[in-house]
Amino acid sequence: MPELSIEEPDQDKLVLIGDGSIMSDEIADMVGRIPLFSELDRQDIRDLATYLLLYKAKKGAVILREGEPGDYMLLVIHGTVDIYKSDRVQKQKRINTVTPGMTIGEMAMVDGEPRFATCVATEPATLAALSREGLVRIIDEKPRLGAKILVQLLAMMNQRLRHTSGILVDYLKVS
């Protein structure tokens, strides 16, 4: 897998461009490609969009950094993002590429733990951010929408855990 040499943090890694309502129709058109939002209808998406903040990232920008604190997840609307994880000797190895409709950072949003991986924009990207605070506000203000999002979030994270567990079985030693 390709390695990544990460330089000093990019101070303007994400540039705020507004709230999600300015792209709610575009986000709604992506719903079929967004597993987290697959149970949401157009009105749900419009409601959700008011809790999202939109950002632009330049090509090469480090969007999330492994080990840093985080309390939000990002939905990739445009562009691609490579995900890197440090190996045993702290070299960054690419483990995945995220494309429009996919999300990153859900684990830190949910559990408040440091970021699991580093994410780098491989081309200019537009990202929608949902913070833990935003999710709590959705649950409080729009409980039906909050419940839909939580169920999908749990299902997505469970699916990833099952996939990873399946891969790990191949690495277990047989005694």
N, C-alpha and C. Protein backbone atom coordinates (compact mmCIF):
# COMPACT_ATOMS: atom_id res chain seq x y z
N MET A 1 0.84 -1.18 0.00
CA MET A 1 0.00 0.00 0.00
C MET A 1 0.88 1.24 0.00
N PRO A 2 0.44 2.31 -0.67
CA PRO A 2 1.23 3.52 -0.71
C PRO A 2 1.40 4.12 0.68
N GLU A 3 2.55 4.74 0.89
CA GLU A 3 2.82 5.43 2.15
C GLU A 3 2.57 6.91 1.95
N LEU A 4 2.41 7.61 3.04
CA LEU A 4 2.15 9.04 3.02
C LEU A 4 3.14 9.73 3.92
N SER A 5 3.71 10.79 3.42
CA SER A 5 4.58 11.62 4.25
C SER A 5 3.78 12.87 4.57
N ILE A 6 3.42 13.03 5.84
CA ILE A 6 2.58 14.15 6.24
C ILE A 6 3.46 15.28 6.76
N GLU A 7 3.27 16.44 6.17
CA GLU A 7 4.02 17.63 6.58
C GLU A 7 3.29 18.31 7.73
N GLU A 8 3.69 19.52 8.05
CA GLU A 8 3.04 20.29 9.10
C GLU A 8 1.56 20.47 8.75
N PRO A 9 0.71 20.63 9.77
CA PRO A 9 -0.71 20.80 9.50
C PRO A 9 -0.99 21.98 8.58
N ASP A 10 -1.93 21.80 7.68
CA ASP A 10 -2.39 22.84 6.76
C ASP A 10 -3.36 23.72 7.54
N GLN A 11 -2.96 24.96 7.83
CA GLN A 11 -3.77 25.82 8.69
C GLN A 11 -5.14 26.14 8.10
N ASP A 12 -5.26 26.17 6.79
CA ASP A 12 -6.57 26.43 6.20
C ASP A 12 -7.07 25.16 5.51
N LYS A 13 -6.97 24.05 6.23
CA LYS A 13 -7.32 22.76 5.65
C LYS A 13 -8.78 22.69 5.23
N LEU A 14 -9.67 23.27 6.01
CA LEU A 14 -11.08 23.32 5.67
C LEU A 14 -11.54 24.77 5.70
N VAL A 15 -12.18 25.20 4.64
CA VAL A 15 -12.68 26.56 4.54
C VAL A 15 -14.20 26.50 4.56
N LEU A 16 -14.81 27.13 5.56
CA LEU A 16 -16.27 27.14 5.71
C LEU A 16 -16.90 27.89 4.53
N ILE A 17 -17.92 27.26 3.92
CA ILE A 17 -18.61 27.94 2.81
C ILE A 17 -20.09 28.16 3.11
N GLY A 18 -20.60 27.67 4.24
CA GLY A 18 -22.00 27.92 4.61
C GLY A 18 -22.63 26.72 5.26
N ASP A 19 -23.94 26.82 5.49
CA ASP A 19 -24.62 25.67 6.08
C ASP A 19 -25.14 24.78 4.96
N GLY A 20 -25.51 23.58 5.35
CA GLY A 20 -25.89 22.56 4.37
C GLY A 20 -27.13 22.87 3.56
N SER A 21 -27.94 23.83 4.02
CA SER A 21 -29.17 24.13 3.29
C SER A 21 -28.90 24.64 1.87
N ILE A 22 -27.71 25.21 1.63
CA ILE A 22 -27.40 25.70 0.29
C ILE A 22 -27.16 24.55 -0.70
N MET A 23 -26.96 23.34 -0.18
CA MET A 23 -26.75 22.18 -1.05
C MET A 23 -27.72 21.04 -0.72
N SER A 24 -28.84 21.34 -0.07
CA SER A 24 -29.73 20.27 0.38
C SER A 24 -30.28 19.45 -0.78
N ASP A 25 -30.60 20.08 -1.91
CA ASP A 25 -31.10 19.31 -3.06
C ASP A 25 -30.02 18.38 -3.61
N GLU A 26 -28.79 18.87 -3.67
CA GLU A 26 -27.69 18.04 -4.15
C GLU A 26 -27.43 16.87 -3.19
N ILE A 27 -27.48 17.15 -1.89
CA ILE A 27 -27.32 16.08 -0.91
C ILE A 27 -28.46 15.08 -1.04
N ALA A 28 -29.68 15.57 -1.21
CA ALA A 28 -30.84 14.68 -1.36
C ALA A 28 -30.70 13.80 -2.60
N ASP A 29 -30.13 14.34 -3.68
CA ASP A 29 -29.93 13.55 -4.90
C ASP A 29 -28.90 12.44 -4.69
N MET A 30 -28.05 12.57 -3.67
CA MET A 30 -27.01 11.58 -3.39
C MET A 30 -27.49 10.47 -2.45
N VAL A 31 -28.69 10.58 -1.91
CA VAL A 31 -29.12 9.68 -0.85
C VAL A 31 -28.92 8.21 -1.20
N GLY A 32 -29.14 7.82 -2.43
CA GLY A 32 -28.94 6.43 -2.82
C GLY A 32 -27.51 5.96 -2.65
N ARG A 33 -26.56 6.89 -2.65
CA ARG A 33 -25.14 6.55 -2.49
C ARG A 33 -24.64 6.79 -1.08
N ILE A 34 -25.51 7.23 -0.18
CA ILE A 34 -25.10 7.53 1.19
C ILE A 34 -25.75 6.52 2.13
N PRO A 35 -25.03 5.47 2.50
CA PRO A 35 -25.64 4.46 3.37
C PRO A 35 -26.22 5.05 4.66
N LEU A 36 -25.55 6.03 5.23
CA LEU A 36 -26.02 6.62 6.48
C LEU A 36 -27.38 7.29 6.32
N PHE A 37 -27.68 7.79 5.14
CA PHE A 37 -28.92 8.53 4.92
C PHE A 37 -29.93 7.75 4.08
N SER A 38 -29.74 6.46 3.90
CA SER A 38 -30.58 5.68 3.00
C SER A 38 -32.05 5.63 3.41
N GLU A 39 -32.35 5.83 4.68
CA GLU A 39 -33.74 5.78 5.15
C GLU A 39 -34.40 7.16 5.21
N LEU A 40 -33.69 8.18 4.75
CA LEU A 40 -34.22 9.54 4.83
C LEU A 40 -34.91 9.94 3.55
N ASP A 41 -36.04 10.65 3.68
CA ASP A 41 -36.71 11.18 2.50
C ASP A 41 -36.21 12.60 2.25
N ARG A 42 -36.71 13.22 1.18
CA ARG A 42 -36.22 14.56 0.81
C ARG A 42 -36.42 15.58 1.93
N GLN A 43 -37.57 15.52 2.62
CA GLN A 43 -37.80 16.47 3.70
C GLN A 43 -36.83 16.23 4.85
N ASP A 44 -36.56 14.95 5.15
CA ASP A 44 -35.57 14.64 6.18
C ASP A 44 -34.22 15.25 5.82
N ILE A 45 -33.85 15.13 4.55
CA ILE A 45 -32.55 15.68 4.10
C ILE A 45 -32.55 17.20 4.24
N ARG A 46 -33.65 17.84 3.85
CA ARG A 46 -33.72 19.30 4.01
C ARG A 46 -33.57 19.69 5.48
N ASP A 47 -34.25 18.94 6.36
CA ASP A 47 -34.14 19.22 7.79
C ASP A 47 -32.72 18.99 8.28
N LEU A 48 -32.13 17.86 7.89
CA LEU A 48 -30.76 17.53 8.30
C LEU A 48 -29.78 18.60 7.82
N ALA A 49 -29.97 19.08 6.60
CA ALA A 49 -29.03 20.03 6.00
C ALA A 49 -28.87 21.30 6.84
N THR A 50 -29.91 21.67 7.57
CA THR A 50 -29.79 22.88 8.39
C THR A 50 -28.85 22.68 9.59
N TYR A 51 -28.51 21.42 9.89
CA TYR A 51 -27.59 21.10 10.98
C TYR A 51 -26.17 20.84 10.48
N LEU A 52 -25.98 20.86 9.18
CA LEU A 52 -24.68 20.59 8.58
C LEU A 52 -23.95 21.90 8.27
N LEU A 53 -22.62 21.85 8.32
CA LEU A 53 -21.80 22.96 7.84
C LEU A 53 -21.01 22.45 6.65
N LEU A 54 -20.92 23.26 5.60
CA LEU A 54 -20.21 22.88 4.38
C LEU A 54 -18.82 23.48 4.37
N TYR A 55 -17.87 22.68 3.90
CA TYR A 55 -16.47 23.10 3.83
C TYR A 55 -15.88 22.71 2.48
N LYS A 56 -14.89 23.48 2.07
CA LYS A 56 -14.07 23.16 0.91
C LYS A 56 -12.69 22.78 1.43
N ALA A 57 -12.07 21.81 0.76
CA ALA A 57 -10.69 21.43 1.08
C ALA A 57 -9.90 21.43 -0.22
N LYS A 58 -8.69 21.96 -0.16
CA LYS A 58 -7.81 21.95 -1.32
C LYS A 58 -7.19 20.57 -1.51
N LYS A 59 -6.76 20.29 -2.72
CA LYS A 59 -6.04 19.05 -2.99
C LYS A 59 -4.82 19.00 -2.06
N GLY A 60 -4.63 17.85 -1.42
CA GLY A 60 -3.50 17.66 -0.53
C GLY A 60 -3.74 18.09 0.91
N ALA A 61 -4.88 18.70 1.19
CA ALA A 61 -5.17 19.16 2.55
C ALA A 61 -5.39 17.96 3.47
N VAL A 62 -4.77 18.00 4.64
CA VAL A 62 -5.01 16.99 5.67
C VAL A 62 -6.30 17.40 6.37
N ILE A 63 -7.35 16.63 6.15
CA ILE A 63 -8.68 16.97 6.66
C ILE A 63 -8.86 16.52 8.11
N LEU A 64 -8.45 15.30 8.39
CA LEU A 64 -8.46 14.75 9.75
C LEU A 64 -7.08 14.15 9.98
N ARG A 65 -6.61 14.22 11.22
CA ARG A 65 -5.28 13.69 11.53
C ARG A 65 -5.39 12.64 12.63
N GLU A 66 -4.82 11.49 12.37
CA GLU A 66 -4.81 10.39 13.33
C GLU A 66 -4.31 10.88 14.69
N GLY A 67 -5.05 10.51 15.74
CA GLY A 67 -4.65 10.85 17.10
C GLY A 67 -5.18 12.18 17.61
N GLU A 68 -5.63 13.06 16.72
CA GLU A 68 -6.17 14.34 17.16
C GLU A 68 -7.59 14.17 17.67
N PRO A 69 -8.03 15.05 18.56
CA PRO A 69 -9.41 14.97 19.03
C PRO A 69 -10.38 15.34 17.91
N GLY A 70 -11.59 14.84 18.01
CA GLY A 70 -12.60 15.17 17.02
C GLY A 70 -13.98 14.85 17.54
N ASP A 71 -14.96 15.65 17.14
CA ASP A 71 -16.32 15.40 17.57
C ASP A 71 -17.31 15.62 16.42
N TYR A 72 -16.85 15.40 15.19
CA TYR A 72 -17.72 15.55 14.03
C TYR A 72 -17.35 14.51 12.98
N MET A 73 -18.32 14.26 12.12
CA MET A 73 -18.10 13.39 10.97
C MET A 73 -18.27 14.23 9.71
N LEU A 74 -17.73 13.74 8.61
CA LEU A 74 -17.80 14.46 7.35
C LEU A 74 -18.42 13.57 6.28
N LEU A 75 -19.28 14.16 5.47
CA LEU A 75 -19.85 13.53 4.29
C LEU A 75 -19.14 14.13 3.09
N VAL A 76 -18.57 13.28 2.24
CA VAL A 76 -17.91 13.77 1.04
C VAL A 76 -18.98 14.03 -0.02
N ILE A 77 -19.10 15.28 -0.45
CA ILE A 77 -20.08 15.65 -1.47
C ILE A 77 -19.42 15.67 -2.85
N HIS A 78 -18.24 16.27 -2.94
CA HIS A 78 -17.45 16.29 -4.18
C HIS A 78 -16.02 15.93 -3.81
N GLY A 79 -15.30 15.33 -4.76
CA GLY A 79 -13.90 15.02 -4.56
C GLY A 79 -13.68 13.64 -3.96
N THR A 80 -12.42 13.33 -3.74
CA THR A 80 -12.06 12.06 -3.11
C THR A 80 -11.08 12.32 -1.97
N VAL A 81 -11.09 11.41 -1.01
CA VAL A 81 -10.26 11.53 0.18
C VAL A 81 -9.61 10.18 0.43
N ASP A 82 -8.29 10.17 0.59
CA ASP A 82 -7.57 8.95 0.95
C ASP A 82 -7.47 8.87 2.46
N ILE A 83 -7.59 7.65 2.98
CA ILE A 83 -7.50 7.41 4.42
C ILE A 83 -6.21 6.64 4.68
N TYR A 84 -5.43 7.14 5.64
CA TYR A 84 -4.14 6.56 5.99
C TYR A 84 -4.13 6.18 7.46
N LYS A 85 -3.48 5.07 7.76
CA LYS A 85 -3.32 4.60 9.14
C LYS A 85 -1.85 4.34 9.39
N SER A 86 -1.38 4.70 10.59
CA SER A 86 0.02 4.45 10.95
C SER A 86 0.23 2.97 11.20
N ASP A 87 1.36 2.44 10.69
CA ASP A 87 1.69 1.05 10.97
C ASP A 87 2.54 0.98 12.24
N ARG A 88 3.10 -0.20 12.52
CA ARG A 88 3.87 -0.40 13.76
C ARG A 88 5.07 0.53 13.88
N VAL A 89 5.65 0.95 12.75
CA VAL A 89 6.81 1.84 12.79
C VAL A 89 6.43 3.29 12.45
N GLN A 90 5.15 3.59 12.60
CA GLN A 90 4.60 4.93 12.40
C GLN A 90 4.68 5.45 10.97
N LYS A 91 4.74 4.54 9.99
CA LYS A 91 4.63 4.96 8.59
C LYS A 91 3.16 4.94 8.22
N GLN A 92 2.76 5.96 7.46
CA GLN A 92 1.37 6.08 7.05
C GLN A 92 1.11 5.18 5.83
N LYS A 93 0.11 4.31 5.93
CA LYS A 93 -0.27 3.41 4.84
C LYS A 93 -1.71 3.72 4.43
N ARG A 94 -1.91 3.83 3.11
CA ARG A 94 -3.28 4.09 2.63
C ARG A 94 -4.11 2.83 2.83
N ILE A 95 -5.25 2.99 3.50
CA ILE A 95 -6.12 1.84 3.75
C ILE A 95 -7.44 1.92 3.00
N ASN A 96 -7.78 3.10 2.48
CA ASN A 96 -9.05 3.22 1.77
C ASN A 96 -9.09 4.56 1.03
N THR A 97 -10.00 4.64 0.07
CA THR A 97 -10.30 5.89 -0.61
C THR A 97 -11.80 6.12 -0.48
N VAL A 98 -12.17 7.33 -0.08
CA VAL A 98 -13.56 7.70 0.13
C VAL A 98 -13.99 8.60 -1.03
N THR A 99 -15.15 8.29 -1.59
CA THR A 99 -15.69 9.02 -2.73
C THR A 99 -17.01 9.70 -2.35
N PRO A 100 -17.55 10.54 -3.22
CA PRO A 100 -18.81 11.22 -2.89
C PRO A 100 -19.90 10.24 -2.42
N GLY A 101 -20.58 10.67 -1.36
CA GLY A 101 -21.62 9.85 -0.76
C GLY A 101 -21.15 9.04 0.42
N MET A 102 -19.84 9.00 0.65
CA MET A 102 -19.29 8.25 1.77
C MET A 102 -18.95 9.20 2.92
N THR A 103 -18.84 8.64 4.11
CA THR A 103 -18.57 9.45 5.29
C THR A 103 -17.25 9.05 5.94
N ILE A 104 -16.68 9.99 6.69
CA ILE A 104 -15.47 9.74 7.47
C ILE A 104 -15.65 10.39 8.84
N GLY A 105 -15.00 9.82 9.84
CA GLY A 105 -14.98 10.44 11.16
C GLY A 105 -16.13 10.09 12.08
N GLU A 106 -16.95 9.10 11.70
CA GLU A 106 -18.12 8.78 12.52
C GLU A 106 -17.73 8.30 13.91
N MET A 107 -16.65 7.53 14.00
CA MET A 107 -16.28 6.95 15.30
C MET A 107 -15.99 8.04 16.31
N ALA A 108 -15.19 9.04 15.95
CA ALA A 108 -14.84 10.12 16.88
C ALA A 108 -16.08 10.95 17.23
N MET A 109 -17.00 11.11 16.27
CA MET A 109 -18.22 11.86 16.56
C MET A 109 -19.02 11.14 17.65
N VAL A 110 -19.07 9.82 17.56
CA VAL A 110 -19.88 9.05 18.49
C VAL A 110 -19.20 8.88 19.84
N ASP A 111 -17.91 8.48 19.84
CA ASP A 111 -17.28 8.11 21.11
C ASP A 111 -16.35 9.17 21.70
N GLY A 112 -16.06 10.23 20.95
CA GLY A 112 -15.21 11.30 21.47
C GLY A 112 -13.74 10.92 21.60
N GLU A 113 -13.36 9.75 21.12
CA GLU A 113 -11.97 9.31 21.18
C GLU A 113 -11.17 10.00 20.08
N PRO A 114 -9.83 9.97 20.15
CA PRO A 114 -9.01 10.58 19.10
C PRO A 114 -9.28 9.93 17.74
N ARG A 115 -8.98 10.68 16.71
CA ARG A 115 -9.18 10.19 15.34
C ARG A 115 -8.40 8.90 15.10
N PHE A 116 -9.04 7.97 14.42
CA PHE A 116 -8.48 6.65 14.14
C PHE A 116 -7.47 6.69 13.00
N ALA A 117 -7.66 7.62 12.07
CA ALA A 117 -6.83 7.65 10.86
C ALA A 117 -6.67 9.09 10.39
N THR A 118 -5.77 9.26 9.43
CA THR A 118 -5.55 10.55 8.78
C THR A 118 -6.25 10.53 7.43
N CYS A 119 -6.93 11.63 7.11
CA CYS A 119 -7.66 11.72 5.85
C CYS A 119 -7.13 12.92 5.06
N VAL A 120 -6.80 12.67 3.79
CA VAL A 120 -6.18 13.68 2.93
C VAL A 120 -6.99 13.82 1.65
N ALA A 121 -7.32 15.05 1.27
CA ALA A 121 -8.04 15.29 0.02
C ALA A 121 -7.10 15.00 -1.15
N THR A 122 -7.50 14.11 -2.04
CA THR A 122 -6.67 13.78 -3.20
C THR A 122 -6.99 14.69 -4.38
N GLU A 123 -8.03 15.48 -4.24
CA GLU A 123 -8.43 16.49 -5.21
C GLU A 123 -9.28 17.49 -4.44
N PRO A 124 -9.56 18.66 -5.01
CA PRO A 124 -10.42 19.59 -4.29
C PRO A 124 -11.72 18.89 -3.88
N ALA A 125 -12.16 19.14 -2.65
CA ALA A 125 -13.31 18.42 -2.12
C ALA A 125 -14.29 19.37 -1.44
N THR A 126 -15.56 19.00 -1.48
CA THR A 126 -16.60 19.67 -0.71
C THR A 126 -17.11 18.66 0.30
N LEU A 127 -17.17 19.08 1.56
CA LEU A 127 -17.52 18.18 2.66
C LEU A 127 -18.61 18.81 3.52
N ALA A 128 -19.54 17.99 3.99
CA ALA A 128 -20.57 18.44 4.92
C ALA A 128 -20.26 17.85 6.28
N ALA A 129 -20.21 18.68 7.31
CA ALA A 129 -19.86 18.25 8.66
C ALA A 129 -21.09 18.20 9.55
N LEU A 130 -21.20 17.09 10.28
CA LEU A 130 -22.21 16.95 11.32
C LEU A 130 -21.46 16.74 12.63
N SER A 131 -21.62 17.67 13.56
CA SER A 131 -20.94 17.58 14.85
C SER A 131 -21.77 16.76 15.83
N ARG A 132 -21.12 16.33 16.90
CA ARG A 132 -21.85 15.62 17.97
C ARG A 132 -22.94 16.55 18.52
N GLU A 133 -22.59 17.82 18.71
CA GLU A 133 -23.58 18.79 19.20
C GLU A 133 -24.77 18.89 18.23
N GLY A 134 -24.47 18.90 16.93
CA GLY A 134 -25.54 18.95 15.93
C GLY A 134 -26.43 17.72 15.99
N LEU A 135 -25.83 16.56 16.16
CA LEU A 135 -26.60 15.32 16.27
C LEU A 135 -27.49 15.35 17.52
N VAL A 136 -26.96 15.84 18.63
CA VAL A 136 -27.75 15.95 19.86
C VAL A 136 -28.92 16.91 19.64
N ARG A 137 -28.67 18.02 18.94
CA ARG A 137 -29.75 18.98 18.64
C ARG A 137 -30.82 18.33 17.76
N ILE A 138 -30.40 17.53 16.77
CA ILE A 138 -31.37 16.84 15.92
C ILE A 138 -32.23 15.91 16.77
N ILE A 139 -31.60 15.13 17.63
CA ILE A 139 -32.33 14.19 18.49
C ILE A 139 -33.33 14.94 19.37
N ASP A 140 -32.91 16.10 19.88
CA ASP A 140 -33.77 16.89 20.76
C ASP A 140 -34.89 17.58 19.99
N GLU A 141 -34.57 18.18 18.83
CA GLU A 141 -35.53 19.00 18.10
C GLU A 141 -36.36 18.21 17.07
N LYS A 142 -35.78 17.15 16.52
CA LYS A 142 -36.46 16.35 15.49
C LYS A 142 -36.21 14.87 15.81
N PRO A 143 -36.86 14.36 16.86
CA PRO A 143 -36.55 13.01 17.35
C PRO A 143 -36.71 11.90 16.31
N ARG A 144 -37.71 11.99 15.43
CA ARG A 144 -37.89 10.96 14.40
C ARG A 144 -36.68 10.93 13.47
N LEU A 145 -36.22 12.09 13.05
CA LEU A 145 -35.03 12.18 12.20
C LEU A 145 -33.80 11.69 12.96
N GLY A 146 -33.67 12.11 14.22
CA GLY A 146 -32.54 11.66 15.03
C GLY A 146 -32.50 10.15 15.17
N ALA A 147 -33.66 9.53 15.39
CA ALA A 147 -33.71 8.08 15.52
C ALA A 147 -33.30 7.40 14.22
N LYS A 148 -33.74 7.91 13.08
CA LYS A 148 -33.36 7.33 11.79
C LYS A 148 -31.84 7.40 11.61
N ILE A 149 -31.27 8.54 11.92
CA ILE A 149 -29.82 8.71 11.75
C ILE A 149 -29.07 7.77 12.69
N LEU A 150 -29.48 7.69 13.95
CA LEU A 150 -28.80 6.82 14.91
C LEU A 150 -28.86 5.35 14.49
N VAL A 151 -30.02 4.90 14.04
CA VAL A 151 -30.15 3.50 13.61
C VAL A 151 -29.23 3.23 12.43
N GLN A 152 -29.19 4.13 11.46
CA GLN A 152 -28.33 3.94 10.29
C GLN A 152 -26.86 4.02 10.67
N LEU A 153 -26.51 4.92 11.59
CA LEU A 153 -25.14 5.05 12.05
C LEU A 153 -24.69 3.76 12.73
N LEU A 154 -25.52 3.21 13.59
CA LEU A 154 -25.20 1.95 14.26
C LEU A 154 -25.06 0.81 13.25
N ALA A 155 -25.97 0.75 12.30
CA ALA A 155 -25.92 -0.32 11.29
C ALA A 155 -24.64 -0.22 10.46
N MET A 156 -24.27 1.01 10.07
CA MET A 156 -23.06 1.20 9.26
C MET A 156 -21.81 0.82 10.05
N MET A 157 -21.73 1.25 11.30
CA MET A 157 -20.56 0.93 12.11
C MET A 157 -20.49 -0.56 12.40
N ASN A 158 -21.64 -1.19 12.61
CA ASN A 158 -21.68 -2.63 12.84
C ASN A 158 -21.22 -3.39 11.60
N GLN A 159 -21.64 -2.93 10.42
CA GLN A 159 -21.23 -3.56 9.17
C GLN A 159 -19.71 -3.46 8.99
N ARG A 160 -19.15 -2.31 9.30
CA ARG A 160 -17.69 -2.13 9.20
C ARG A 160 -16.96 -3.04 10.19
N LEU A 161 -17.50 -3.17 11.40
CA LEU A 161 -16.89 -4.05 12.40
C LEU A 161 -16.92 -5.50 11.94
N ARG A 162 -18.04 -5.93 11.38
CA ARG A 162 -18.14 -7.30 10.87
C ARG A 162 -17.13 -7.53 9.75
N HIS A 163 -17.00 -6.56 8.86
CA HIS A 163 -16.05 -6.68 7.75
C HIS A 163 -14.62 -6.78 8.28
N THR A 164 -14.27 -5.89 9.19
CA THR A 164 -12.93 -5.90 9.76
C THR A 164 -12.66 -7.20 10.52
N SER A 165 -13.64 -7.66 11.28
CA SER A 165 -13.48 -8.92 12.02
C SER A 165 -13.23 -10.07 11.06
N GLY A 166 -13.92 -10.06 9.93
CA GLY A 166 -13.70 -11.10 8.92
C GLY A 166 -12.28 -11.09 8.37
N ILE A 167 -11.77 -9.91 8.16
CA ILE A 167 -10.38 -9.77 7.67
C ILE A 167 -9.39 -10.25 8.74
N LEU A 168 -9.64 -9.89 10.00
CA LEU A 168 -8.74 -10.26 11.09
C LEU A 168 -8.65 -11.78 11.28
N VAL A 169 -9.70 -12.49 10.97
CA VAL A 169 -9.69 -13.95 11.10
C VAL A 169 -8.54 -14.54 10.28
N ASP A 170 -8.27 -13.97 9.13
CA ASP A 170 -7.19 -14.46 8.28
C ASP A 170 -5.81 -14.30 8.92
N TYR A 171 -5.69 -13.37 9.88
CA TYR A 171 -4.40 -13.11 10.51
C TYR A 171 -4.21 -13.88 11.82
N LEU A 172 -5.25 -14.52 12.30
CA LEU A 172 -5.13 -15.28 13.54
C LEU A 172 -4.29 -16.52 13.33
N LYS A 173 -3.44 -16.81 14.29
CA LYS A 173 -2.59 -17.98 14.22
C LYS A 173 -3.40 -19.21 14.61
N VAL A 174 -3.19 -20.28 13.90
CA VAL A 174 -3.83 -21.55 14.24
C VAL A 174 -2.87 -22.29 15.16
N SER A 175 -3.36 -22.72 16.33
CA SER A 175 -2.46 -23.42 17.26
C SER A 175 -2.57 -24.92 17.13
